[in-house]
PDB file of all heavy atoms in Angstrom:
ATOM      1  N   ILE A   1     -27.973  19.015  12.725  1.00  0.00           N
ATOM      2  CA  ILE A   1     -27.157  18.045  11.991  1.00  0.00           C
ATOM      3  C   ILE A   1     -28.050  17.274  11.038  1.00  0.00           C
ATOM      4  O   ILE A   1     -28.986  16.611  11.478  1.00  0.00           O
ATOM      5  CB  ILE A   1     -26.454  17.076  12.952  1.00  0.00           C
ATOM      6  CG1 ILE A   1     -25.566  17.847  13.923  1.00  0.00           C
ATOM      7  CG2 ILE A   1     -25.624  16.057  12.165  1.00  0.00           C
ATOM      8  CD1 ILE A   1     -25.038  17.005  15.028  1.00  0.00           C
ATOM      9  N   PHE A   2     -27.775  17.368   9.777  1.00  0.00           N
ATOM     10  CA  PHE A   2     -28.545  16.628   8.797  1.00  0.00           C
ATOM     11  C   PHE A   2     -27.735  15.494   8.194  1.00  0.00           C
ATOM     12  O   PHE A   2     -28.203  14.384   8.038  1.00  0.00           O
ATOM     13  CB  PHE A   2     -29.046  17.568   7.695  1.00  0.00           C
ATOM     14  CG  PHE A   2     -29.954  18.639   8.220  1.00  0.00           C
ATOM     15  CD1 PHE A   2     -29.474  19.913   8.468  1.00  0.00           C
ATOM     16  CD2 PHE A   2     -31.275  18.370   8.476  1.00  0.00           C
ATOM     17  CE1 PHE A   2     -30.317  20.895   8.955  1.00  0.00           C
ATOM     18  CE2 PHE A   2     -32.126  19.345   8.967  1.00  0.00           C
ATOM     19  CZ  PHE A   2     -31.636  20.619   9.217  1.00  0.00           C
ATOM     20  N   SER A   3     -26.515  15.805   7.882  1.00  0.00           N
ATOM     21  CA  SER A   3     -25.678  14.779   7.286  1.00  0.00           C
ATOM     22  C   SER A   3     -24.216  15.145   7.496  1.00  0.00           C
ATOM     23  O   SER A   3     -23.782  16.205   7.053  1.00  0.00           O
ATOM     24  CB  SER A   3     -25.983  14.636   5.799  1.00  0.00           C
ATOM     25  OG  SER A   3     -25.115  13.692   5.186  1.00  0.00           O
ATOM     26  N   ILE A   4     -23.509  14.301   8.187  1.00  0.00           N
ATOM     27  CA  ILE A   4     -22.077  14.526   8.403  1.00  0.00           C
ATOM     28  C   ILE A   4     -21.322  13.834   7.285  1.00  0.00           C
ATOM     29  O   ILE A   4     -21.339  12.599   7.198  1.00  0.00           O
ATOM     30  CB  ILE A   4     -21.632  14.002   9.775  1.00  0.00           C
ATOM     31  CG1 ILE A   4     -22.413  14.689  10.897  1.00  0.00           C
ATOM     32  CG2 ILE A   4     -20.131  14.206   9.951  1.00  0.00           C
ATOM     33  CD1 ILE A   4     -22.140  14.116  12.262  1.00  0.00           C
ATOM     34  N   TYR A   5     -20.708  14.619   6.431  1.00  0.00           N
ATOM     35  CA  TYR A   5     -19.970  14.011   5.326  1.00  0.00           C
ATOM     36  C   TYR A   5     -18.693  13.348   5.810  1.00  0.00           C
ATOM     37  O   TYR A   5     -18.407  12.197   5.510  1.00  0.00           O
ATOM     38  CB  TYR A   5     -19.647  15.052   4.249  1.00  0.00           C
ATOM     39  CG  TYR A   5     -18.716  14.494   3.201  1.00  0.00           C
ATOM     40  CD1 TYR A   5     -19.148  13.512   2.321  1.00  0.00           C
ATOM     41  CD2 TYR A   5     -17.385  14.908   3.119  1.00  0.00           C
ATOM     42  CE1 TYR A   5     -18.296  12.960   1.388  1.00  0.00           C
ATOM     43  CE2 TYR A   5     -16.528  14.362   2.184  1.00  0.00           C
ATOM     44  CZ  TYR A   5     -16.987  13.377   1.320  1.00  0.00           C
ATOM     45  OH  TYR A   5     -16.138  12.834   0.393  1.00  0.00           O
ATOM     46  N   ALA A   6     -17.934  14.078   6.590  1.00  0.00           N
ATOM     47  CA  ALA A   6     -16.661  13.531   7.063  1.00  0.00           C
ATOM     48  C   ALA A   6     -16.346  14.097   8.438  1.00  0.00           C
ATOM     49  O   ALA A   6     -16.819  15.170   8.814  1.00  0.00           O
ATOM     50  CB  ALA A   6     -15.521  13.860   6.097  1.00  0.00           C
ATOM     51  N   MET A   7     -15.559  13.356   9.160  1.00  0.00           N
ATOM     52  CA  MET A   7     -15.113  13.788  10.480  1.00  0.00           C
ATOM     53  C   MET A   7     -13.614  13.567  10.555  1.00  0.00           C
ATOM     54  O   MET A   7     -13.099  12.526  10.111  1.00  0.00           O
ATOM     55  CB  MET A   7     -15.818  12.976  11.561  1.00  0.00           C
ATOM     56  CG  MET A   7     -15.647  13.511  12.975  1.00  0.00           C
ATOM     57  SD  MET A   7     -14.133  12.980  13.769  1.00  0.00           S
ATOM     58  CE  MET A   7     -14.473  11.253  13.965  1.00  0.00           C
ATOM     59  N   GLY A   8     -12.932  14.555  11.093  1.00  0.00           N
ATOM     60  CA  GLY A   8     -11.480  14.430  11.177  1.00  0.00           C
ATOM     61  C   GLY A   8     -10.942  14.886  12.510  1.00  0.00           C
ATOM     62  O   GLY A   8     -11.606  15.624  13.246  1.00  0.00           O
ATOM     63  N   TRP A   9      -9.765  14.410  12.810  1.00  0.00           N
ATOM     64  CA  TRP A   9      -9.027  14.864  14.001  1.00  0.00           C
ATOM     65  C   TRP A   9      -7.760  15.558  13.532  1.00  0.00           C
ATOM     66  O   TRP A   9      -7.045  15.051  12.656  1.00  0.00           O
ATOM     67  CB  TRP A   9      -8.676  13.689  14.901  1.00  0.00           C
ATOM     68  CG  TRP A   9      -9.850  13.119  15.617  1.00  0.00           C
ATOM     69  CD1 TRP A   9     -10.625  12.059  15.233  1.00  0.00           C
ATOM     70  CD2 TRP A   9     -10.398  13.574  16.854  1.00  0.00           C
ATOM     71  NE1 TRP A   9     -11.619  11.840  16.143  1.00  0.00           N
ATOM     72  CE2 TRP A   9     -11.494  12.754  17.155  1.00  0.00           C
ATOM     73  CE3 TRP A   9     -10.061  14.595  17.745  1.00  0.00           C
ATOM     74  CZ2 TRP A   9     -12.271  12.932  18.295  1.00  0.00           C
ATOM     75  CZ3 TRP A   9     -10.833  14.771  18.885  1.00  0.00           C
ATOM     76  CH2 TRP A   9     -11.923  13.940  19.153  1.00  0.00           C
ATOM     77  N   TYR A  10      -7.489  16.690  14.115  1.00  0.00           N
ATOM     78  CA  TYR A  10      -6.324  17.485  13.826  1.00  0.00           C
ATOM     79  C   TYR A  10      -5.607  17.777  15.129  1.00  0.00           C
ATOM     80  O   TYR A  10      -6.191  17.650  16.208  1.00  0.00           O
ATOM     81  CB  TYR A  10      -6.714  18.805  13.140  1.00  0.00           C
ATOM     82  CG  TYR A  10      -7.364  18.627  11.792  1.00  0.00           C
ATOM     83  CD1 TYR A  10      -8.679  18.147  11.686  1.00  0.00           C
ATOM     84  CD2 TYR A  10      -6.691  18.928  10.612  1.00  0.00           C
ATOM     85  CE1 TYR A  10      -9.276  17.953  10.456  1.00  0.00           C
ATOM     86  CE2 TYR A  10      -7.288  18.757   9.377  1.00  0.00           C
ATOM     87  CZ  TYR A  10      -8.577  18.265   9.308  1.00  0.00           C
ATOM     88  OH  TYR A  10      -9.172  18.089   8.088  1.00  0.00           O
ATOM     89  N   ARG A  11      -4.343  18.158  15.039  1.00  0.00           N
ATOM     90  CA  ARG A  11      -3.626  18.521  16.257  1.00  0.00           C
ATOM     91  C   ARG A  11      -2.681  19.685  15.970  1.00  0.00           C
ATOM     92  O   ARG A  11      -2.241  19.895  14.835  1.00  0.00           O
ATOM     93  CB  ARG A  11      -2.847  17.333  16.812  1.00  0.00           C
ATOM     94  CG  ARG A  11      -1.693  16.845  15.934  1.00  0.00           C
ATOM     95  CD  ARG A  11      -1.090  15.578  16.509  1.00  0.00           C
ATOM     96  NE  ARG A  11       0.027  15.090  15.714  1.00  0.00           N
ATOM     97  CZ  ARG A  11       0.629  13.922  15.927  1.00  0.00           C
ATOM     98  NH1 ARG A  11       0.225  13.117  16.915  1.00  0.00           N
ATOM     99  NH2 ARG A  11       1.645  13.544  15.166  1.00  0.00           N
ATOM    100  N   GLN A  12      -2.421  20.421  17.035  1.00  0.00           N
ATOM    101  CA  GLN A  12      -1.516  21.553  16.930  1.00  0.00           C
ATOM    102  C   GLN A  12      -0.613  21.579  18.148  1.00  0.00           C
ATOM    103  O   GLN A  12      -1.101  21.735  19.279  1.00  0.00           O
ATOM    104  CB  GLN A  12      -2.291  22.870  16.805  1.00  0.00           C
ATOM    105  CG  GLN A  12      -1.401  24.055  16.518  1.00  0.00           C
ATOM    106  CD  GLN A  12      -2.203  25.268  16.078  1.00  0.00           C
ATOM    107  OE1 GLN A  12      -3.415  25.373  16.303  1.00  0.00           O
ATOM    108  NE2 GLN A  12      -1.525  26.208  15.429  1.00  0.00           N
ATOM    109  N   ALA A  13       0.659  21.420  17.899  1.00  0.00           N
ATOM    110  CA  ALA A  13       1.654  21.494  18.955  1.00  0.00           C
ATOM    111  C   ALA A  13       2.162  22.939  19.059  1.00  0.00           C
ATOM    112  O   ALA A  13       2.061  23.699  18.094  1.00  0.00           O
ATOM    113  CB  ALA A  13       2.812  20.552  18.651  1.00  0.00           C
ATOM    114  N   PRO A  14       2.711  23.328  20.203  1.00  0.00           N
ATOM    115  CA  PRO A  14       3.214  24.700  20.364  1.00  0.00           C
ATOM    116  C   PRO A  14       4.232  25.063  19.278  1.00  0.00           C
ATOM    117  O   PRO A  14       5.159  24.297  19.020  1.00  0.00           O
ATOM    118  CB  PRO A  14       3.854  24.675  21.743  1.00  0.00           C
ATOM    119  CG  PRO A  14       3.125  23.593  22.464  1.00  0.00           C
ATOM    120  CD  PRO A  14       2.833  22.549  21.434  1.00  0.00           C
ATOM    121  N   GLY A  15       4.003  26.191  18.653  1.00  0.00           N
ATOM    122  CA  GLY A  15       4.923  26.668  17.625  1.00  0.00           C
ATOM    123  C   GLY A  15       4.803  25.994  16.287  1.00  0.00           C
ATOM    124  O   GLY A  15       5.595  26.267  15.377  1.00  0.00           O
ATOM    125  N   LYS A  16       3.819  25.110  16.139  1.00  0.00           N
ATOM    126  CA  LYS A  16       3.645  24.398  14.883  1.00  0.00           C
ATOM    127  C   LYS A  16       2.266  24.641  14.298  1.00  0.00           C
ATOM    128  O   LYS A  16       1.343  25.059  14.999  1.00  0.00           O
ATOM    129  CB  LYS A  16       3.862  22.892  15.093  1.00  0.00           C
ATOM    130  CG  LYS A  16       5.291  22.522  15.485  1.00  0.00           C
ATOM    131  CD  LYS A  16       5.459  21.020  15.513  1.00  0.00           C
ATOM    132  CE  LYS A  16       6.890  20.639  15.844  1.00  0.00           C
ATOM    133  NZ  LYS A  16       7.090  19.150  15.847  1.00  0.00           N
ATOM    134  N   GLN A  17       2.142  24.353  13.008  1.00  0.00           N
ATOM    135  CA  GLN A  17       0.854  24.502  12.356  1.00  0.00           C
ATOM    136  C   GLN A  17      -0.051  23.331  12.701  1.00  0.00           C
ATOM    137  O   GLN A  17       0.406  22.234  13.029  1.00  0.00           O
ATOM    138  CB  GLN A  17       1.046  24.579  10.836  1.00  0.00           C
ATOM    139  CG  GLN A  17       1.707  25.862  10.350  1.00  0.00           C
ATOM    140  CD  GLN A  17       1.689  25.970   8.846  1.00  0.00           C
ATOM    141  OE1 GLN A  17       1.701  24.971   8.143  1.00  0.00           O
ATOM    142  NE2 GLN A  17       1.645  27.195   8.340  1.00  0.00           N
ATOM    143  N   ARG A  18      -1.349  23.587  12.610  1.00  0.00           N
ATOM    144  CA  ARG A  18      -2.317  22.516  12.819  1.00  0.00           C
ATOM    145  C   ARG A  18      -2.172  21.516  11.681  1.00  0.00           C
ATOM    146  O   ARG A  18      -2.045  21.887  10.522  1.00  0.00           O
ATOM    147  CB  ARG A  18      -3.731  23.080  12.863  1.00  0.00           C
ATOM    148  CG  ARG A  18      -4.778  22.092  13.303  1.00  0.00           C
ATOM    149  CD  ARG A  18      -6.125  22.772  13.492  1.00  0.00           C
ATOM    150  NE  ARG A  18      -6.093  23.780  14.531  1.00  0.00           N
ATOM    151  CZ  ARG A  18      -7.175  24.433  14.978  1.00  0.00           C
ATOM    152  NH1 ARG A  18      -8.369  24.132  14.490  1.00  0.00           N
ATOM    153  NH2 ARG A  18      -7.062  25.350  15.912  1.00  0.00           N
ATOM    154  N   GLU A  19      -2.207  20.227  12.035  1.00  0.00           N
ATOM    155  CA  GLU A  19      -2.035  19.202  11.033  1.00  0.00           C
ATOM    156  C   GLU A  19      -3.114  18.127  11.152  1.00  0.00           C
ATOM    157  O   GLU A  19      -3.646  17.886  12.239  1.00  0.00           O
ATOM    158  CB  GLU A  19      -0.654  18.520  11.186  1.00  0.00           C
ATOM    159  CG  GLU A  19      -0.448  17.808  12.500  1.00  0.00           C
ATOM    160  CD  GLU A  19       0.863  17.057  12.569  1.00  0.00           C
ATOM    161  OE1 GLU A  19       1.621  17.033  11.595  1.00  0.00           O
ATOM    162  OE2 GLU A  19       1.138  16.465  13.639  1.00  0.00           O
ATOM    163  N   LEU A  20      -3.403  17.512  10.022  1.00  0.00           N
ATOM    164  CA  LEU A  20      -4.370  16.419  10.003  1.00  0.00           C
ATOM    165  C   LEU A  20      -3.764  15.188  10.656  1.00  0.00           C
ATOM    166  O   LEU A  20      -2.635  14.810  10.357  1.00  0.00           O
ATOM    167  CB  LEU A  20      -4.778  16.104   8.567  1.00  0.00           C
ATOM    168  CG  LEU A  20      -5.652  14.865   8.377  1.00  0.00           C
ATOM    169  CD1 LEU A  20      -7.034  15.080   8.973  1.00  0.00           C
ATOM    170  CD2 LEU A  20      -5.766  14.502   6.891  1.00  0.00           C
ATOM    171  N   VAL A  21      -4.540  14.561  11.536  1.00  0.00           N
ATOM    172  CA  VAL A  21      -4.126  13.308  12.160  1.00  0.00           C
ATOM    173  C   VAL A  21      -4.828  12.136  11.467  1.00  0.00           C
ATOM    174  O   VAL A  21      -4.187  11.169  11.065  1.00  0.00           O
ATOM    175  CB  VAL A  21      -4.453  13.313  13.654  1.00  0.00           C
ATOM    176  CG1 VAL A  21      -4.110  11.957  14.278  1.00  0.00           C
ATOM    177  CG2 VAL A  21      -3.721  14.441  14.368  1.00  0.00           C
ATOM    178  N   ALA A  22      -6.148  12.246  11.345  1.00  0.00           N
ATOM    179  CA  ALA A  22      -6.931  11.182  10.724  1.00  0.00           C
ATOM    180  C   ALA A  22      -8.267  11.742  10.282  1.00  0.00           C
ATOM    181  O   ALA A  22      -8.759  12.712  10.869  1.00  0.00           O
ATOM    182  CB  ALA A  22      -7.148  10.019  11.693  1.00  0.00           C
ATOM    183  N   ARG A  23      -8.824  11.120   9.248  1.00  0.00           N
ATOM    184  CA  ARG A  23     -10.102  11.573   8.717  1.00  0.00           C
ATOM    185  C   ARG A  23     -10.885  10.373   8.222  1.00  0.00           C
ATOM    186  O   ARG A  23     -10.313   9.444   7.642  1.00  0.00           O
ATOM    187  CB  ARG A  23      -9.873  12.580   7.590  1.00  0.00           C
ATOM    188  CG  ARG A  23     -11.136  13.162   6.956  1.00  0.00           C
ATOM    189  CD  ARG A  23     -10.743  14.202   5.910  1.00  0.00           C
ATOM    190  NE  ARG A  23     -11.874  14.800   5.215  1.00  0.00           N
ATOM    191  CZ  ARG A  23     -12.365  14.349   4.069  1.00  0.00           C
ATOM    192  NH1 ARG A  23     -11.822  13.292   3.493  1.00  0.00           N
ATOM    193  NH2 ARG A  23     -13.383  14.950   3.499  1.00  0.00           N
ATOM    194  N   ILE A  24     -12.209  10.399   8.452  1.00  0.00           N
ATOM    195  CA  ILE A  24     -13.065   9.318   7.977  1.00  0.00           C
ATOM    196  C   ILE A  24     -14.287   9.929   7.315  1.00  0.00           C
ATOM    197  O   ILE A  24     -14.889  10.863   7.851  1.00  0.00           O
ATOM    198  CB  ILE A  24     -13.459   8.366   9.147  1.00  0.00           C
ATOM    199  CG1 ILE A  24     -14.299   7.205   8.632  1.00  0.00           C
ATOM    200  CG2 ILE A  24     -14.186   9.119  10.257  1.00  0.00           C
ATOM    201  CD1 ILE A  24     -14.497   6.100   9.681  1.00  0.00           C
ATOM    202  N   THR A  25     -14.659   9.399   6.157  1.00  0.00           N
ATOM    203  CA  THR A  25     -15.816   9.922   5.446  1.00  0.00           C
ATOM    204  C   THR A  25     -17.064   9.112   5.786  1.00  0.00           C
ATOM    205  O   THR A  25     -16.984   8.083   6.472  1.00  0.00           O
ATOM    206  CB  THR A  25     -15.596   9.873   3.926  1.00  0.00           C
ATOM    207  OG1 THR A  25     -15.606   8.501   3.501  1.00  0.00           O
ATOM    208  CG2 THR A  25     -14.265  10.516   3.538  1.00  0.00           C
ATOM    209  N   SER A  26     -18.194   9.562   5.291  1.00  0.00           N
ATOM    210  CA  SER A  26     -19.462   8.889   5.549  1.00  0.00           C
ATOM    211  C   SER A  26     -19.479   7.480   4.943  1.00  0.00           C
ATOM    212  O   SER A  26     -20.227   6.615   5.411  1.00  0.00           O
ATOM    213  CB  SER A  26     -20.617   9.700   4.988  1.00  0.00           C
ATOM    214  OG  SER A  26     -20.447   9.909   3.600  1.00  0.00           O
ATOM    215  N   ARG A  27     -18.648   7.251   3.947  1.00  0.00           N
ATOM    216  CA  ARG A  27     -18.586   5.924   3.330  1.00  0.00           C
ATOM    217  C   ARG A  27     -17.522   5.059   3.959  1.00  0.00           C
ATOM    218  O   ARG A  27     -17.284   3.934   3.523  1.00  0.00           O
ATOM    219  CB  ARG A  27     -18.334   6.067   1.835  1.00  0.00           C
ATOM    220  CG  ARG A  27     -19.488   6.730   1.095  1.00  0.00           C
ATOM    221  CD  ARG A  27     -19.328   6.630  -0.403  1.00  0.00           C
ATOM    222  NE  ARG A  27     -20.477   7.177  -1.109  1.00  0.00           N
ATOM    223  CZ  ARG A  27     -20.655   7.106  -2.422  1.00  0.00           C
ATOM    224  NH1 ARG A  27     -19.736   6.503  -3.187  1.00  0.00           N
ATOM    225  NH2 ARG A  27     -21.723   7.635  -2.989  1.00  0.00           N
ATOM    226  N   GLY A  28     -16.872   5.601   4.989  1.00  0.00           N
ATOM    227  CA  GLY A  28     -15.881   4.802   5.701  1.00  0.00           C
ATOM    228  C   GLY A  28     -14.480   4.877   5.169  1.00  0.00           C
ATOM    229  O   GLY A  28     -13.598   4.138   5.614  1.00  0.00           O
ATOM    230  N   TYR A  29     -14.250   5.767   4.196  1.00  0.00           N
ATOM    231  CA  TYR A  29     -12.887   5.938   3.696  1.00  0.00           C
ATOM    232  C   TYR A  29     -12.066   6.660   4.751  1.00  0.00           C
ATOM    233  O   TYR A  29     -12.458   7.699   5.265  1.00  0.00           O
ATOM    234  CB  TYR A  29     -12.885   6.732   2.400  1.00  0.00           C
ATOM    235  CG  TYR A  29     -11.500   7.013   1.886  1.00  0.00           C
ATOM    236  CD1 TYR A  29     -10.797   6.029   1.205  1.00  0.00           C
ATOM    237  CD2 TYR A  29     -10.892   8.254   2.088  1.00  0.00           C
ATOM    238  CE1 TYR A  29      -9.513   6.275   0.737  1.00  0.00           C
ATOM    239  CE2 TYR A  29      -9.617   8.499   1.623  1.00  0.00           C
ATOM    240  CZ  TYR A  29      -8.939   7.507   0.957  1.00  0.00           C
ATOM    241  OH  TYR A  29      -7.666   7.755   0.495  1.00  0.00           O
ATOM    242  N   VAL A  30     -10.900   6.096   5.041  1.00  0.00           N
ATOM    243  CA  VAL A  30     -10.074   6.611   6.132  1.00  0.00           C
ATOM    244  C   VAL A  30      -8.677   6.962   5.616  1.00  0.00           C
ATOM    245  O   VAL A  30      -8.121   6.250   4.779  1.00  0.00           O
ATOM    246  CB  VAL A  30      -9.955   5.570   7.258  1.00  0.00           C
ATOM    247  CG1 VAL A  30      -9.025   6.075   8.359  1.00  0.00           C
ATOM    248  CG2 VAL A  30     -11.312   5.254   7.846  1.00  0.00           C
ATOM    249  N   ASN A  31      -8.140   8.046   6.105  1.00  0.00           N
ATOM    250  CA  ASN A  31      -6.732   8.326   5.865  1.00  0.00           C
ATOM    251  C   ASN A  31      -6.093   8.847   7.145  1.00  0.00           C
ATOM    252  O   ASN A  31      -6.746   9.481   7.970  1.00  0.00           O
ATOM    253  CB  ASN A  31      -6.520   9.291   4.699  1.00  0.00           C
ATOM    254  CG  ASN A  31      -7.119  10.653   4.926  1.00  0.00           C
ATOM    255  OD1 ASN A  31      -8.324  10.792   5.056  1.00  0.00           O
ATOM    256  ND2 ASN A  31      -6.261  11.658   4.995  1.00  0.00           N
ATOM    257  N   TYR A  32      -4.811   8.503   7.298  1.00  0.00           N
ATOM    258  CA  TYR A  32      -4.045   8.852   8.484  1.00  0.00           C
ATOM    259  C   TYR A  32      -2.762   9.581   8.103  1.00  0.00           C
ATOM    260  O   TYR A  32      -2.192   9.340   7.042  1.00  0.00           O
ATOM    261  CB  TYR A  32      -3.641   7.590   9.258  1.00  0.00           C
ATOM    262  CG  TYR A  32      -4.776   6.806   9.862  1.00  0.00           C
ATOM    263  CD1 TYR A  32      -5.330   5.715   9.193  1.00  0.00           C
ATOM    264  CD2 TYR A  32      -5.287   7.142  11.115  1.00  0.00           C
ATOM    265  CE1 TYR A  32      -6.365   4.989   9.747  1.00  0.00           C
ATOM    266  CE2 TYR A  32      -6.323   6.413  11.680  1.00  0.00           C
ATOM    267  CZ  TYR A  32      -6.859   5.343  10.990  1.00  0.00           C
ATOM    268  OH  TYR A  32      -7.880   4.626  11.551  1.00  0.00           O
ATOM    269  N   ALA A  33      -2.297  10.406   9.016  1.00  0.00           N
ATOM    270  CA  ALA A  33      -0.957  10.962   8.877  1.00  0.00           C
ATOM    271  C   ALA A  33       0.033   9.825   9.026  1.00  0.00           C
ATOM    272  O   ALA A  33      -0.182   8.886   9.805  1.00  0.00           O
ATOM    273  CB  ALA A  33      -0.712  12.018   9.952  1.00  0.00           C
ATOM    274  N   ASP A  34       1.129   9.900   8.292  1.00  0.00           N
ATOM    275  CA  ASP A  34       2.136   8.827   8.347  1.00  0.00           C
ATOM    276  C   ASP A  34       2.642   8.613   9.769  1.00  0.00           C
ATOM    277  O   ASP A  34       2.941   7.482  10.173  1.00  0.00           O
ATOM    278  CB  ASP A  34       3.311   9.162   7.431  1.00  0.00           C
ATOM    279  CG  ASP A  34       2.954   9.025   5.954  1.00  0.00           C
ATOM    280  OD1 ASP A  34       1.934   8.378   5.650  1.00  0.00           O
ATOM    281  OD2 ASP A  34       3.688   9.589   5.128  1.00  0.00           O
ATOM    282  N   SER A  35       2.721   9.682  10.542  1.00  0.00           N
ATOM    283  CA  SER A  35       3.298   9.611  11.883  1.00  0.00           C
ATOM    284  C   SER A  35       2.441   8.817  12.866  1.00  0.00           C
ATOM    285  O   SER A  35       2.926   8.435  13.929  1.00  0.00           O
ATOM    286  CB  SER A  35       3.538  11.017  12.429  1.00  0.00           C
ATOM    287  OG  SER A  35       2.321  11.739  12.484  1.00  0.00           O
ATOM    288  N   VAL A  36       1.160   8.588  12.530  1.00  0.00           N
ATOM    289  CA  VAL A  36       0.274   7.878  13.465  1.00  0.00           C
ATOM    290  C   VAL A  36      -0.223   6.545  12.923  1.00  0.00           C
ATOM    291  O   VAL A  36      -0.930   5.824  13.635  1.00  0.00           O
ATOM    292  CB  VAL A  36      -0.928   8.756  13.864  1.00  0.00           C
ATOM    293  CG1 VAL A  36      -0.447  10.105  14.403  1.00  0.00           C
ATOM    294  CG2 VAL A  36      -1.903   8.935  12.717  1.00  0.00           C
ATOM    295  N   LYS A  37       0.108   6.216  11.695  1.00  0.00           N
ATOM    296  CA  LYS A  37      -0.352   4.959  11.106  1.00  0.00           C
ATOM    297  C   LYS A  37       0.098   3.781  11.959  1.00  0.00           C
ATOM    298  O   LYS A  37       1.241   3.693  12.392  1.00  0.00           O
ATOM    299  CB  LYS A  37       0.182   4.818   9.690  1.00  0.00           C
ATOM    300  CG  LYS A  37      -0.525   5.685   8.667  1.00  0.00           C
ATOM    301  CD  LYS A  37       0.048   5.465   7.274  1.00  0.00           C
ATOM    302  CE  LYS A  37      -0.669   6.333   6.249  1.00  0.00           C
ATOM    303  NZ  LYS A  37      -0.072   6.179   4.895  1.00  0.00           N
ATOM    304  N   GLY A  38      -0.855   2.883  12.198  1.00  0.00           N
ATOM    305  CA  GLY A  38      -0.557   1.701  13.000  1.00  0.00           C
ATOM    306  C   GLY A  38      -0.698   1.922  14.495  1.00  0.00           C
ATOM    307  O   GLY A  38      -0.676   0.959  15.273  1.00  0.00           O
TER     308      GLY A  38
END
């Protein structure tokens, strides 16, 4: 590991595609799926 640019969490429910849950970059920029915000 030299430098982690971004780290994200994804999820996959049975019969569904994998989807982004949340992601954070090395500069702290964060985005969330609407379904988990808050």
